[in-house]
Amino acid sequence: QLQLVESGGGLVQPGGSLRLSCAASGFTLNYYAIGWFRQAPGKEREGVSCISSSGGSTKYADSVKGRFTISRDNAKRTVYLQMNSLKPEDTAVYYCAAIIMVQATCVMTTHAMGYWGQGTQVTVSS
């Protein structure tokens, strides 16, 4: 059974950092591009970042450029999202999602993703 499990969320003060992890089980990540998405209360789910299957291509939403870094370790079947300089507006449930994509690119389109994790809460507050 294909499964994605997010971890690493929590409560952090503005300006702080968190590293989210997305662990895959039941399948190898080698042929999947991975995206990180977030959904704040009352808002639509939005793409935050994505990484190609090989890790050679990444994309970021304008709101997180320069603060977030996505990476992956296919041997460990894990994708990471390092979040620095966190702001209150980053508060949301963060989800990782996978799509079969062997090309050297990735997508941050919610409806295109095939598999989703259950989400992890990130709260940025003083």
PDB file of N, CA and C in Angstrom:
ATOM      1  N   GLN A   1       0.839  -1.185   0.000  1.00  0.00           N
ATOM      2  CA  GLN A   1       0.000   0.000   0.000  1.00  0.00           C
ATOM      3  C   GLN A   1       0.878   1.240   0.000  1.00  0.00           C
ATOM      4  N   LEU A   2       0.607   2.153  -0.946  1.00  0.00           N
ATOM      5  CA  LEU A   2       1.385   3.372  -1.045  1.00  0.00           C
ATOM      6  C   LEU A   2       0.981   4.322   0.069  1.00  0.00           C
ATOM      7  N   GLN A   3       1.960   4.856   0.767  1.00  0.00           N
ATOM      8  CA  GLN A   3       1.653   5.733   1.880  1.00  0.00           C
ATOM      9  C   GLN A   3       2.715   6.813   2.022  1.00  0.00           C
ATOM     10  N   LEU A   4       2.280   8.027   2.325  1.00  0.00           N
ATOM     11  CA  LEU A   4       3.162   9.138   2.641  1.00  0.00           C
ATOM     12  C   LEU A   4       2.827   9.604   4.047  1.00  0.00           C
ATOM     13  N   VAL A   5       3.858   9.816   4.852  1.00  0.00           N
ATOM     14  CA  VAL A   5       3.649  10.247   6.226  1.00  0.00           C
ATOM     15  C   VAL A   5       4.517  11.462   6.507  1.00  0.00           C
ATOM     16  N   GLU A   6       3.869  12.568   6.865  1.00  0.00           N
ATOM     17  CA  GLU A   6       4.582  13.786   7.208  1.00  0.00           C
ATOM     18  C   GLU A   6       4.894  13.820   8.702  1.00  0.00           C
ATOM     19  N   SER A   7       5.964  14.485   9.046  1.00  0.00           N
ATOM     20  CA  SER A   7       6.329  14.691  10.453  1.00  0.00           C
ATOM     21  C   SER A   7       7.168  15.951  10.549  1.00  0.00           C
ATOM     22  N   GLY A   8       7.353  16.415  11.784  1.00  0.00           N
ATOM     23  CA  GLY A   8       8.221  17.563  12.009  1.00  0.00           C
ATOM     24  C   GLY A   8       7.496  18.864  12.280  1.00  0.00           C
ATOM     25  N   GLY A   9       6.186  18.848  12.211  1.00  0.00           N
ATOM     26  CA  GLY A   9       5.447  20.067  12.492  1.00  0.00           C
ATOM     27  C   GLY A   9       5.463  20.394  13.976  1.00  0.00           C
ATOM     28  N   GLY A  10       4.953  21.584  14.300  1.00  0.00           N
ATOM     29  CA  GLY A  10       4.905  21.985  15.695  1.00  0.00           C
ATOM     30  C   GLY A  10       4.672  23.464  15.835  1.00  0.00           C
ATOM     31  N   LEU A  11       4.884  23.947  17.049  1.00  0.00           N
ATOM     32  CA  LEU A  11       4.729  25.359  17.369  1.00  0.00           C
ATOM     33  C   LEU A  11       6.106  26.010  17.403  1.00  0.00           C
ATOM     34  N   VAL A  12       6.256  27.112  16.703  1.00  0.00           N
ATOM     35  CA  VAL A  12       7.535  27.807  16.660  1.00  0.00           C
ATOM     36  C   VAL A  12       7.288  29.305  16.688  1.00  0.00           C
ATOM     37  N   GLN A  13       8.213  30.046  17.243  1.00  0.00           N
ATOM     38  CA  GLN A  13       8.085  31.496  17.287  1.00  0.00           C
ATOM     39  C   GLN A  13       8.431  32.110  15.932  1.00  0.00           C
ATOM     40  N   PRO A  14       7.908  33.287  15.642  1.00  0.00           N
ATOM     41  CA  PRO A  14       8.298  33.965  14.395  1.00  0.00           C
ATOM     42  C   PRO A  14       9.804  34.111  14.309  1.00  0.00           C
ATOM     43  N   GLY A  15      10.324  33.856  13.113  1.00  0.00           N
ATOM     44  CA  GLY A  15      11.763  33.874  12.903  1.00  0.00           C
ATOM     45  C   GLY A  15      12.438  32.538  13.129  1.00  0.00           C
ATOM     46  N   GLY A  16      11.705  31.588  13.669  1.00  0.00           N
ATOM     47  CA  GLY A  16      12.265  30.272  13.947  1.00  0.00           C
ATOM     48  C   GLY A  16      12.283  29.366  12.731  1.00  0.00           C
ATOM     49  N   SER A  17      12.712  28.126  12.975  1.00  0.00           N
ATOM     50  CA  SER A  17      12.861  27.156  11.890  1.00  0.00           C
ATOM     51  C   SER A  17      12.227  25.823  12.265  1.00  0.00           C
ATOM     52  N   LEU A  18      11.816  25.099  11.242  1.00  0.00           N
ATOM     53  CA  LEU A  18      11.343  23.732  11.373  1.00  0.00           C
ATOM     54  C   LEU A  18      11.787  22.964  10.138  1.00  0.00           C
ATOM     55  N   ARG A  19      11.964  21.662  10.302  1.00  0.00           N
ATOM     56  CA  ARG A  19      12.210  20.813   9.144  1.00  0.00           C
ATOM     57  C   ARG A  19      11.138  19.739   9.093  1.00  0.00           C
ATOM     58  N   LEU A  20      10.393  19.763   8.031  1.00  0.00           N
ATOM     59  CA  LEU A  20       9.368  18.752   7.815  1.00  0.00           C
ATOM     60  C   LEU A  20       9.947  17.581   7.030  1.00  0.00           C
ATOM     61  N   SER A  21       9.455  16.406   7.327  1.00  0.00           N
ATOM     62  CA  SER A  21       9.854  15.201   6.605  1.00  0.00           C
ATOM     63  C   SER A  21       8.624  14.540   6.001  1.00  0.00           C
ATOM     64  N   CYS A  22       8.817  13.937   4.853  1.00  0.00           N
ATOM     65  CA  CYS A  22       7.760  13.189   4.180  1.00  0.00           C
ATOM     66  C   CYS A  22       8.345  11.821   3.845  1.00  0.00           C
ATOM     67  N   ALA A  23       7.909  10.809   4.576  1.00  0.00           N
ATOM     68  CA  ALA A  23       8.441   9.462   4.406  1.00  0.00           C
ATOM     69  C   ALA A  23       7.481   8.607   3.594  1.00  0.00           C
ATOM     70  N   ALA A  24       8.021   7.926   2.600  1.00  0.00           N
ATOM     71  CA  ALA A  24       7.212   7.069   1.745  1.00  0.00           C
ATOM     72  C   ALA A  24       7.368   5.608   2.148  1.00  0.00           C
ATOM     73  N   SER A  25       6.275   4.886   2.072  1.00  0.00           N
ATOM     74  CA  SER A  25       6.328   3.447   2.301  1.00  0.00           C
ATOM     75  C   SER A  25       5.462   2.759   1.264  1.00  0.00           C
ATOM     76  N   GLY A  26       5.846   1.542   0.934  1.00  0.00           N
ATOM     77  CA  GLY A  26       5.071   0.788  -0.045  1.00  0.00           C
ATOM     78  C   GLY A  26       5.466   1.038  -1.477  1.00  0.00           C
ATOM     79  N   PHE A  27       6.381   1.985  -1.701  1.00  0.00           N
ATOM     80  CA  PHE A  27       6.834   2.245  -3.062  1.00  0.00           C
ATOM     81  C   PHE A  27       8.161   2.982  -3.010  1.00  0.00           C
ATOM     82  N   THR A  28       8.882   2.924  -4.119  1.00  0.00           N
ATOM     83  CA  THR A  28      10.132   3.666  -4.207  1.00  0.00           C
ATOM     84  C   THR A  28       9.845   5.066  -4.738  1.00  0.00           C
ATOM     85  N   LEU A  29      10.573   6.035  -4.219  1.00  0.00           N
ATOM     86  CA  LEU A  29      10.351   7.424  -4.628  1.00  0.00           C
ATOM     87  C   LEU A  29      11.034   7.782  -5.937  1.00  0.00           C
ATOM     88  N   ASN A  30      11.838   6.882  -6.466  1.00  0.00           N
ATOM     89  CA  ASN A  30      12.717   7.225  -7.580  1.00  0.00           C
ATOM     90  C   ASN A  30      11.991   7.772  -8.804  1.00  0.00           C
ATOM     91  N   TYR A  31      10.730   7.385  -9.005  1.00  0.00           N
ATOM     92  CA  TYR A  31      10.005   7.809 -10.204  1.00  0.00           C
ATOM     93  C   TYR A  31       8.936   8.850  -9.913  1.00  0.00           C
ATOM     94  N   TYR A  32       8.990   9.413  -8.711  1.00  0.00           N
ATOM     95  CA  TYR A  32       7.949  10.344  -8.299  1.00  0.00           C
ATOM     96  C   TYR A  32       8.508  11.730  -8.015  1.00  0.00           C
ATOM     97  N   ALA A  33       7.842  12.730  -8.572  1.00  0.00           N
ATOM     98  CA  ALA A  33       8.081  14.096  -8.128  1.00  0.00           C
ATOM     99  C   ALA A  33       7.231  14.310  -6.876  1.00  0.00           C
ATOM    100  N   ILE A  34       7.752  15.108  -5.966  1.00  0.00           N
ATOM    101  CA  ILE A  34       7.077  15.338  -4.692  1.00  0.00           C
ATOM    102  C   ILE A  34       6.798  16.826  -4.524  1.00  0.00           C
ATOM    103  N   GLY A  35       5.624  17.114  -4.023  1.00  0.00           N
ATOM    104  CA  GLY A  35       5.270  18.495  -3.730  1.00  0.00           C
ATOM    105  C   GLY A  35       4.885  18.664  -2.271  1.00  0.00           C
ATOM    106  N   TRP A  36       5.175  19.830  -1.761  1.00  0.00           N
ATOM    107  CA  TRP A  36       4.687  20.230  -0.436  1.00  0.00           C
ATOM    108  C   TRP A  36       3.585  21.266  -0.643  1.00  0.00           C
ATOM    109  N   PHE A  37       2.507  21.093   0.080  1.00  0.00           N
ATOM    110  CA  PHE A  37       1.356  21.976  -0.007  1.00  0.00           C
ATOM    111  C   PHE A  37       0.970  22.391   1.410  1.00  0.00           C
ATOM    112  N   ARG A  38       0.184  23.451   1.516  1.00  0.00           N
ATOM    113  CA  ARG A  38      -0.299  23.843   2.833  1.00  0.00           C
ATOM    114  C   ARG A  38      -1.713  24.390   2.718  1.00  0.00           C
ATOM    115  N   GLN A  39      -2.418  24.270   3.825  1.00  0.00           N
ATOM    116  CA  GLN A  39      -3.789  24.769   3.871  1.00  0.00           C
ATOM    117  C   GLN A  39      -4.029  25.426   5.216  1.00  0.00           C
ATOM    118  N   ALA A  40      -4.308  26.715   5.170  1.00  0.00           N
ATOM    119  CA  ALA A  40      -4.635  27.469   6.372  1.00  0.00           C
ATOM    120  C   ALA A  40      -6.147  27.456   6.555  1.00  0.00           C
ATOM    121  N   PRO A  41      -6.624  27.663   7.789  1.00  0.00           N
ATOM    122  CA  PRO A  41      -8.064  27.656   8.038  1.00  0.00           C
ATOM    123  C   PRO A  41      -8.785  28.655   7.140  1.00  0.00           C
ATOM    124  N   GLY A  42      -9.834  28.187   6.471  1.00  0.00           N
ATOM    125  CA  GLY A  42     -10.633  29.046   5.625  1.00  0.00           C
ATOM    126  C   GLY A  42     -10.032  29.370   4.279  1.00  0.00           C
ATOM    127  N   LYS A  43      -8.897  28.766   3.976  1.00  0.00           N
ATOM    128  CA  LYS A  43      -8.232  29.044   2.702  1.00  0.00           C
ATOM    129  C   LYS A  43      -8.090  27.764   1.893  1.00  0.00           C
ATOM    130  N   GLU A  44      -7.870  27.937   0.596  1.00  0.00           N
ATOM    131  CA  GLU A  44      -7.647  26.788  -0.264  1.00  0.00           C
ATOM    132  C   GLU A  44      -6.236  26.243  -0.067  1.00  0.00           C
ATOM    133  N   ARG A  45      -6.097  24.967  -0.387  1.00  0.00           N
ATOM    134  CA  ARG A  45      -4.775  24.355  -0.336  1.00  0.00           C
ATOM    135  C   ARG A  45      -3.909  24.950  -1.440  1.00  0.00           C
ATOM    136  N   GLU A  46      -2.662  25.277  -1.103  1.00  0.00           N
ATOM    137  CA  GLU A  46      -1.778  25.906  -2.066  1.00  0.00           C
ATOM    138  C   GLU A  46      -0.439  25.191  -2.133  1.00  0.00           C
ATOM    139  N   GLY A  47       0.177  25.251  -3.290  1.00  0.00           N
ATOM    140  CA  GLY A  47       1.498  24.665  -3.459  1.00  0.00           C
ATOM    141  C   GLY A  47       2.565  25.531  -2.830  1.00  0.00           C
ATOM    142  N   VAL A  48       3.499  24.899  -2.143  1.00  0.00           N
ATOM    143  CA  VAL A  48       4.590  25.596  -1.473  1.00  0.00           C
ATOM    144  C   VAL A  48       5.909  25.372  -2.213  1.00  0.00           C
ATOM    145  N   SER A  49       6.175  24.105  -2.536  1.00  0.00           N
ATOM    146  CA  SER A  49       7.430  23.762  -3.177  1.00  0.00           C
ATOM    147  C   SER A  49       7.300  22.383  -3.807  1.00  0.00           C
ATOM    148  N   CYS A  50       8.168  22.087  -4.765  1.00  0.00           N
ATOM    149  CA  CYS A  50       8.190  20.741  -5.329  1.00  0.00           C
ATOM    150  C   CYS A  50       9.602  20.409  -5.774  1.00  0.00           C
ATOM    151  N   ILE A  51       9.837  19.105  -5.954  1.00  0.00           N
ATOM    152  CA  ILE A  51      11.158  18.637  -6.352  1.00  0.00           C
ATOM    153  C   ILE A  51      10.989  17.485  -7.330  1.00  0.00           C
ATOM    154  N   SER A  52      11.822  17.457  -8.361  1.00  0.00           N
ATOM    155  CA  SER A  52      11.733  16.412  -9.377  1.00  0.00           C
ATOM    156  C   SER A  52      12.193  15.075  -8.807  1.00  0.00           C
ATOM    157  N   SER A  53      11.936  14.010  -9.547  1.00  0.00           N
ATOM    158  CA  SER A  53      12.227  12.665  -9.051  1.00  0.00           C
ATOM    159  C   SER A  53      13.710  12.470  -8.736  1.00  0.00           C
ATOM    160  N   SER A  54      14.584  13.108  -9.497  1.00  0.00           N
ATOM    161  CA  SER A  54      16.025  12.973  -9.260  1.00  0.00           C
ATOM    162  C   SER A  54      16.543  13.990  -8.264  1.00  0.00           C
ATOM    163  N   GLY A  55      15.730  14.992  -7.982  1.00  0.00           N
ATOM    164  CA  GLY A  55      16.165  16.062  -7.086  1.00  0.00           C
ATOM    165  C   GLY A  55      16.863  17.205  -7.786  1.00  0.00           C
ATOM    166  N   GLY A  56      17.005  17.102  -9.098  1.00  0.00           N
ATOM    167  CA  GLY A  56      17.749  18.117  -9.824  1.00  0.00           C
ATOM    168  C   GLY A  56      16.989  19.387 -10.131  1.00  0.00           C
ATOM    169  N   SER A  57      15.676  19.352  -9.981  1.00  0.00           N
ATOM    170  CA  SER A  57      14.849  20.523 -10.275  1.00  0.00           C
ATOM    171  C   SER A  57      13.924  20.808  -9.114  1.00  0.00           C
ATOM    172  N   THR A  58      13.839  22.069  -8.719  1.00  0.00           N
ATOM    173  CA  THR A  58      12.966  22.464  -7.626  1.00  0.00           C
ATOM    174  C   THR A  58      12.196  23.728  -8.010  1.00  0.00           C
ATOM    175  N   LYS A  59      11.068  23.913  -7.353  1.00  0.00           N
ATOM    176  CA  LYS A  59      10.268  25.121  -7.544  1.00  0.00           C
ATOM    177  C   LYS A  59       9.753  25.580  -6.185  1.00  0.00           C
ATOM    178  N   TYR A  60       9.513  26.888  -6.073  1.00  0.00           N
ATOM    179  CA  TYR A  60       9.013  27.452  -4.824  1.00  0.00           C
ATOM    180  C   TYR A  60       7.934  28.487  -5.114  1.00  0.00           C
ATOM    181  N   ALA A  61       6.963  28.553  -4.228  1.00  0.00           N
ATOM    182  CA  ALA A  61       6.008  29.647  -4.278  1.00  0.00           C
ATOM    183  C   ALA A  61       6.738  30.938  -3.926  1.00  0.00           C
ATOM    184  N   ASP A  62       6.283  32.039  -4.505  1.00  0.00           N
ATOM    185  CA  ASP A  62       6.942  33.320  -4.237  1.00  0.00           C
ATOM    186  C   ASP A  62       6.974  33.651  -2.753  1.00  0.00           C
ATOM    187  N   SER A  63       5.945  33.250  -2.042  1.00  0.00           N
ATOM    188  CA  SER A  63       5.829  33.586  -0.621  1.00  0.00           C
ATOM    189  C   SER A  63       6.882  32.908   0.247  1.00  0.00           C
ATOM    190  N   VAL A  64       7.540  31.864  -0.264  1.00  0.00           N
ATOM    191  CA  VAL A  64       8.516  31.137   0.560  1.00  0.00           C
ATOM    192  C   VAL A  64       9.916  31.150  -0.044  1.00  0.00           C
ATOM    193  N   LYS A  65      10.079  31.727  -1.207  1.00  0.00           N
ATOM    194  CA  LYS A  65      11.398  31.760  -1.842  1.00  0.00           C
ATOM    195  C   LYS A  65      12.415  32.422  -0.936  1.00  0.00           C
ATOM    196  N   GLY A  66      13.570  31.799  -0.822  1.00  0.00           N
ATOM    197  CA  GLY A  66      14.632  32.343   0.007  1.00  0.00           C
ATOM    198  C   GLY A  66      14.530  31.952   1.464  1.00  0.00           C
ATOM    199  N   ARG A  67      13.402  31.367   1.864  1.00  0.00           N
ATOM    200  CA  ARG A  67      13.219  30.937   3.252  1.00  0.00           C
ATOM    201  C   ARG A  67      13.092  29.428   3.396  1.00  0.00           C
ATOM    202  N   PHE A  68      12.474  28.783   2.411  1.00  0.00           N
ATOM    203  CA  PHE A  68      12.257  27.333   2.444  1.00  0.00           C
ATOM    204  C   PHE A  68      13.182  26.654   1.454  1.00  0.00           C
ATOM    205  N   THR A  69      13.612  25.439   1.823  1.00  0.00           N
ATOM    206  CA  THR A  69      14.438  24.629   0.933  1.00  0.00           C
ATOM    207  C   THR A  69      13.917  23.204   0.919  1.00  0.00           C
ATOM    208  N   ILE A  70      13.659  22.693  -0.266  1.00  0.00           N
ATOM    209  CA  ILE A  70      13.199  21.320  -0.415  1.00  0.00           C
ATOM    210  C   ILE A  70      14.368  20.443  -0.836  1.00  0.00           C
ATOM    211  N   SER A  71      14.398  19.217  -0.328  1.00  0.00           N
ATOM    212  CA  SER A  71      15.448  18.275  -0.695  1.00  0.00           C
ATOM    213  C   SER A  71      14.892  16.862  -0.567  1.00  0.00           C
ATOM    214  N   ARG A  72      15.641  15.903  -1.085  1.00  0.00           N
ATOM    215  CA  ARG A  72      15.167  14.529  -0.991  1.00  0.00           C
ATOM    216  C   ARG A  72      16.322  13.564  -0.882  1.00  0.00           C
ATOM    217  N   ASP A  73      16.049  12.427  -0.270  1.00  0.00           N
ATOM    218  CA  ASP A  73      17.008  11.334  -0.153  1.00  0.00           C
ATOM    219  C   ASP A  73      16.261  10.084  -0.597  1.00  0.00           C
ATOM    220  N   ASN A  74      16.421   9.720  -1.860  1.00  0.00           N
ATOM    221  CA  ASN A  74      15.660   8.586  -2.387  1.00  0.00           C
ATOM    222  C   ASN A  74      16.020   7.270  -1.707  1.00  0.00           C
ATOM    223  N   ALA A  75      17.254   7.148  -1.268  1.00  0.00           N
ATOM    224  CA  ALA A  75      17.657   5.920  -0.571  1.00  0.00           C
ATOM    225  C   ALA A  75      16.888   5.750   0.723  1.00  0.00           C
ATOM    226  N   LYS A  76      16.564   6.872   1.364  1.00  0.00           N
ATOM    227  CA  LYS A  76      15.794   6.837   2.614  1.00  0.00           C
ATOM    228  C   LYS A  76      14.306   7.011   2.354  1.00  0.00           C
ATOM    229  N   ARG A  77      13.920   7.169   1.078  1.00  0.00           N
ATOM    230  CA  ARG A  77      12.515   7.365   0.709  1.00  0.00           C
ATOM    231  C   ARG A  77      11.909   8.553   1.448  1.00  0.00           C
ATOM    232  N   THR A  78      12.665   9.609   1.565  1.00  0.00           N
ATOM    233  CA  THR A  78      12.211  10.749   2.356  1.00  0.00           C
ATOM    234  C   THR A  78      12.481  12.060   1.612  1.00  0.00           C
ATOM    235  N   VAL A  79      11.519  12.954   1.710  1.00  0.00           N
ATOM    236  CA  VAL A  79      11.656  14.308   1.188  1.00  0.00           C
ATOM    237  C   VAL A  79      11.543  15.269   2.357  1.00  0.00           C
ATOM    238  N   TYR A  80      12.339  16.320   2.325  1.00  0.00           N
ATOM    239  CA  TYR A  80      12.400  17.266   3.426  1.00  0.00           C
ATOM    240  C   TYR A  80      11.980  18.659   2.966  1.00  0.00           C
ATOM    241  N   LEU A  81      11.477  19.426   3.910  1.00  0.00           N
ATOM    242  CA  LEU A  81      11.210  20.845   3.677  1.00  0.00           C
ATOM    243  C   LEU A  81      11.789  21.612   4.860  1.00  0.00           C
ATOM    244  N   GLN A  82      12.912  22.259   4.627  1.00  0.00           N
ATOM    245  CA  GLN A  82      13.536  23.098   5.647  1.00  0.00           C
ATOM    246  C   GLN A  82      12.899  24.467   5.579  1.00  0.00           C
ATOM    247  N   MET A  83      12.337  24.894   6.691  1.00  0.00           N
ATOM    248  CA  MET A  83      11.618  26.170   6.733  1.00  0.00           C
ATOM    249  C   MET A  83      12.325  27.090   7.722  1.00  0.00           C
ATOM    250  N   ASN A  84      12.861  28.170   7.220  1.00  0.00           N
ATOM    251  CA  ASN A  84      13.555  29.158   8.044  1.00  0.00           C
ATOM    252  C   ASN A  84      12.809  30.475   8.027  1.00  0.00           C
ATOM    253  N   SER A  85      13.153  31.345   8.970  1.00  0.00           N
ATOM    254  CA  SER A  85      12.535  32.686   9.043  1.00  0.00           C
ATOM    255  C   SER A  85      11.021  32.593   8.965  1.00  0.00           C
ATOM    256  N   LEU A  86      10.467  31.715   9.748  1.00  0.00           N
ATOM    257  CA  LEU A  86       9.021  31.477   9.683  1.00  0.00           C
ATOM    258  C   LEU A  86       8.230  32.693  10.134  1.00  0.00           C
ATOM    259  N   LYS A  87       7.081  32.872   9.489  1.00  0.00           N
ATOM    260  CA  LYS A  87       6.193  33.996   9.759  1.00  0.00           C
ATOM    261  C   LYS A  87       4.839  33.466  10.212  1.00  0.00           C
ATOM    262  N   PRO A  88       4.070  34.272  10.924  1.00  0.00           N
ATOM    263  CA  PRO A  88       2.726  33.825  11.327  1.00  0.00           C
ATOM    264  C   PRO A  88       1.878  33.378  10.144  1.00  0.00           C
ATOM    265  N   GLU A  89       2.061  33.991   9.001  1.00  0.00           N
ATOM    266  CA  GLU A  89       1.273  33.615   7.826  1.00  0.00           C
ATOM    267  C   GLU A  89       1.681  32.263   7.239  1.00  0.00           C
ATOM    268  N   ASP A  90       2.736  31.661   7.758  1.00  0.00           N
ATOM    269  CA  ASP A  90       3.096  30.302   7.345  1.00  0.00           C
ATOM    270  C   ASP A  90       2.297  29.244   8.117  1.00  0.00           C
ATOM    271  N   THR A  91       1.536  29.681   9.096  1.00  0.00           N
ATOM    272  CA  THR A  91       0.726  28.753   9.876  1.00  0.00           C
ATOM    273  C   THR A  91      -0.284  28.039   8.988  1.00  0.00           C
ATOM    274  N   ALA A  92      -0.244  26.708   9.023  1.00  0.00           N
ATOM    275  CA  ALA A  92      -1.123  25.899   8.176  1.00  0.00           C
ATOM    276  C   ALA A  92      -0.870  24.427   8.460  1.00  0.00           C
ATOM    277  N   VAL A  93      -1.723  23.589   7.907  1.00  0.00           N
ATOM    278  CA  VAL A  93      -1.428  22.164   7.846  1.00  0.00           C
ATOM    279  C   VAL A  93      -0.636  21.938   6.564  1.00  0.00           C
ATOM    280  N   TYR A  94       0.502  21.288   6.712  1.00  0.00           N
ATOM    281  CA  TYR A  94       1.384  21.041   5.577  1.00  0.00           C
ATOM    282  C   TYR A  94       1.243  19.590   5.134  1.00  0.00           C
ATOM    283  N   TYR A  95       1.098  19.413   3.827  1.00  0.00           N
ATOM    284  CA  TYR A  95       0.929  18.097   3.231  1.00  0.00           C
ATOM    285  C   TYR A  95       2.027  17.846   2.200  1.00  0.00           C
ATOM    286  N   CYS A  96       2.459  16.601   2.107  1.00  0.00           N
ATOM    287  CA  CYS A  96       3.278  16.230   0.966  1.00  0.00           C
ATOM    288  C   CYS A  96       2.437  15.357   0.044  1.00  0.00           C
ATOM    289  N   ALA A  97       2.785  15.379  -1.232  1.00  0.00           N
ATOM    290  CA  ALA A  97       2.031  14.633  -2.227  1.00  0.00           C
ATOM    291  C   ALA A  97       2.975  14.175  -3.328  1.00  0.00           C
ATOM    292  N   ALA A  98       2.611  13.090  -3.976  1.00  0.00           N
ATOM    293  CA  ALA A  98       3.472  12.495  -4.994  1.00  0.00           C
ATOM    294  C   ALA A  98       2.750  12.338  -6.312  1.00  0.00           C
ATOM    295  N   ILE A  99       3.516  12.432  -7.391  1.00  0.00           N
ATOM    296  CA  ILE A  99       2.996  12.194  -8.727  1.00  0.00           C
ATOM    297  C   ILE A  99       4.088  11.477  -9.515  1.00  0.00           C
ATOM    298  N   ILE A 100       3.708  10.454 -10.291  1.00  0.00           N
ATOM    299  CA  ILE A 100       4.690   9.778 -11.131  1.00  0.00           C
ATOM    300  C   ILE A 100       5.161  10.766 -12.195  1.00  0.00           C
ATOM    301  N   MET A 101       6.455  11.036 -12.193  1.00  0.00           N
ATOM    302  CA  MET A 101       7.007  12.026 -13.126  1.00  0.00           C
ATOM    303  C   MET A 101       8.504  11.803 -13.227  1.00  0.00           C
ATOM    304  N   VAL A 102       8.943  11.173 -14.300  1.00  0.00           N
ATOM    305  CA  VAL A 102      10.368  10.892 -14.448  1.00  0.00           C
ATOM    306  C   VAL A 102      11.108  12.019 -15.149  1.00  0.00           C
ATOM    307  N   GLN A 103      10.363  12.976 -15.699  1.00  0.00           N
ATOM    308  CA  GLN A 103      11.014  14.112 -16.344  1.00  0.00           C
ATOM    309  C   GLN A 103      11.725  14.973 -15.292  1.00  0.00           C
ATOM    310  N   ALA A 104      12.623  15.777 -15.756  1.00  0.00           N
ATOM    311  CA  ALA A 104      13.403  16.639 -14.859  1.00  0.00           C
ATOM    312  C   ALA A 104      12.626  17.905 -14.535  1.00  0.00           C
ATOM    313  N   THR A 105      11.460  17.715 -13.940  1.00  0.00           N
ATOM    314  CA  THR A 105      10.652  18.837 -13.528  1.00  0.00           C
ATOM    315  C   THR A 105       9.699  18.385 -12.436  1.00  0.00           C
ATOM    316  N   CYS A 106       8.882  19.283 -11.949  1.00  0.00           N
ATOM    317  CA  CYS A 106       7.894  18.934 -10.933  1.00  0.00           C
ATOM    318  C   CYS A 106       6.732  19.912 -11.041  1.00  0.00           C
ATOM    319  N   VAL A 107       5.665  19.631 -10.320  1.00  0.00           N
ATOM    320  CA  VAL A 107       4.481  20.480 -10.373  1.00  0.00           C
ATOM    321  C   VAL A 107       3.986  20.757  -8.961  1.00  0.00           C
ATOM    322  N   MET A 108       3.331  21.904  -8.818  1.00  0.00           N
ATOM    323  CA  MET A 108       2.718  22.269  -7.531  1.00  0.00           C
ATOM    324  C   MET A 108       1.222  22.474  -7.745  1.00  0.00           C
ATOM    325  N   THR A 109       0.651  21.568  -8.529  1.00  0.00           N
ATOM    326  CA  THR A 109      -0.766  21.653  -8.856  1.00  0.00           C
ATOM    327  C   THR A 109      -1.524  20.632  -8.029  1.00  0.00           C
ATOM    328  N   THR A 110      -2.413  21.116  -7.182  1.00  0.00           N
ATOM    329  CA  THR A 110      -3.091  20.239  -6.232  1.00  0.00           C
ATOM    330  C   THR A 110      -3.802  19.080  -6.917  1.00  0.00           C
ATOM    331  N   HIS A 111      -4.567  19.369  -7.965  1.00  0.00           N
ATOM    332  CA  HIS A 111      -5.399  18.331  -8.552  1.00  0.00           C
ATOM    333  C   HIS A 111      -4.597  17.329  -9.363  1.00  0.00           C
ATOM    334  N   ALA A 112      -3.331  17.621  -9.627  1.00  0.00           N
ATOM    335  CA  ALA A 112      -2.508  16.708 -10.420  1.00  0.00           C
ATOM    336  C   ALA A 112      -1.880  15.603  -9.586  1.00  0.00           C
ATOM    337  N   MET A 113      -1.802  15.805  -8.280  1.00  0.00           N
ATOM    338  CA  MET A 113      -1.067  14.871  -7.438  1.00  0.00           C
ATOM    339  C   MET A 113      -1.867  13.588  -7.207  1.00  0.00           C
ATOM    340  N   GLY A 114      -1.130  12.469  -7.188  1.00  0.00           N
ATOM    341  CA  GLY A 114      -1.809  11.189  -7.086  1.00  0.00           C
ATOM    342  C   GLY A 114      -1.943  10.648  -5.680  1.00  0.00           C
ATOM    343  N   TYR A 115      -0.977  10.945  -4.836  1.00  0.00           N
ATOM    344  CA  TYR A 115      -0.974  10.400  -3.479  1.00  0.00           C
ATOM    345  C   TYR A 115      -0.692  11.518  -2.486  1.00  0.00           C
ATOM    346  N   TRP A 116      -1.386  11.456  -1.351  1.00  0.00           N
ATOM    347  CA  TRP A 116      -1.283  12.489  -0.335  1.00  0.00           C
ATOM    348  C   TRP A 116      -1.001  11.892   1.037  1.00  0.00           C
ATOM    349  N   GLY A 117      -0.247  12.660   1.834  1.00  0.00           N
ATOM    350  CA  GLY A 117      -0.094  12.304   3.231  1.00  0.00           C
ATOM    351  C   GLY A 117      -1.247  12.888   4.038  1.00  0.00           C
ATOM    352  N   GLN A 118      -1.204  12.661   5.339  1.00  0.00           N
ATOM    353  CA  GLN A 118      -2.292  13.076   6.214  1.00  0.00           C
ATOM    354  C   GLN A 118      -2.111  14.506   6.730  1.00  0.00           C
ATOM    355  N   GLY A 119      -0.925  15.056   6.564  1.00  0.00           N
ATOM    356  CA  GLY A 119      -0.666  16.425   6.977  1.00  0.00           C
ATOM    357  C   GLY A 119      -0.031  16.538   8.349  1.00  0.00           C
ATOM    358  N   THR A 120       0.679  17.644   8.551  1.00  0.00           N
ATOM    359  CA  THR A 120       1.280  17.956   9.851  1.00  0.00           C
ATOM    360  C   THR A 120       1.076  19.443  10.110  1.00  0.00           C
ATOM    361  N   GLN A 121       0.697  19.778  11.341  1.00  0.00           N
ATOM    362  CA  GLN A 121       0.357  21.160  11.686  1.00  0.00           C
ATOM    363  C   GLN A 121       1.621  21.963  11.969  1.00  0.00           C
ATOM    364  N   VAL A 122       1.698  23.130  11.368  1.00  0.00           N
ATOM    365  CA  VAL A 122       2.761  24.095  11.657  1.00  0.00           C
ATOM    366  C   VAL A 122       2.091  25.367  12.160  1.00  0.00           C
ATOM    367  N   THR A 123       2.476  25.781  13.352  1.00  0.00           N
ATOM    368  CA  THR A 123       1.921  27.000  13.941  1.00  0.00           C
ATOM    369  C   THR A 123       3.059  27.940  14.284  1.00  0.00           C
ATOM    370  N   VAL A 124       2.992  29.136  13.732  1.00  0.00           N
ATOM    371  CA  VAL A 124       4.019  30.143  13.983  1.00  0.00           C
ATOM    372  C   VAL A 124       3.370  31.255  14.805  1.00  0.00           C
ATOM    373  N   SER A 125       3.767  31.346  16.049  1.00  0.00           N
ATOM    374  CA  SER A 125       3.135  32.293  16.957  1.00  0.00           C
ATOM    375  C   SER A 125       4.058  32.591  18.122  1.00  0.00           C
ATOM    376  N   SER A 126       3.955  33.817  18.634  1.00  0.00           N
ATOM    377  CA  SER A 126       4.727  34.176  19.821  1.00  0.00           C
ATOM    378  C   SER A 126       3.884  33.994  21.073  1.00  0.00           C
TER     379      SER A 126
END
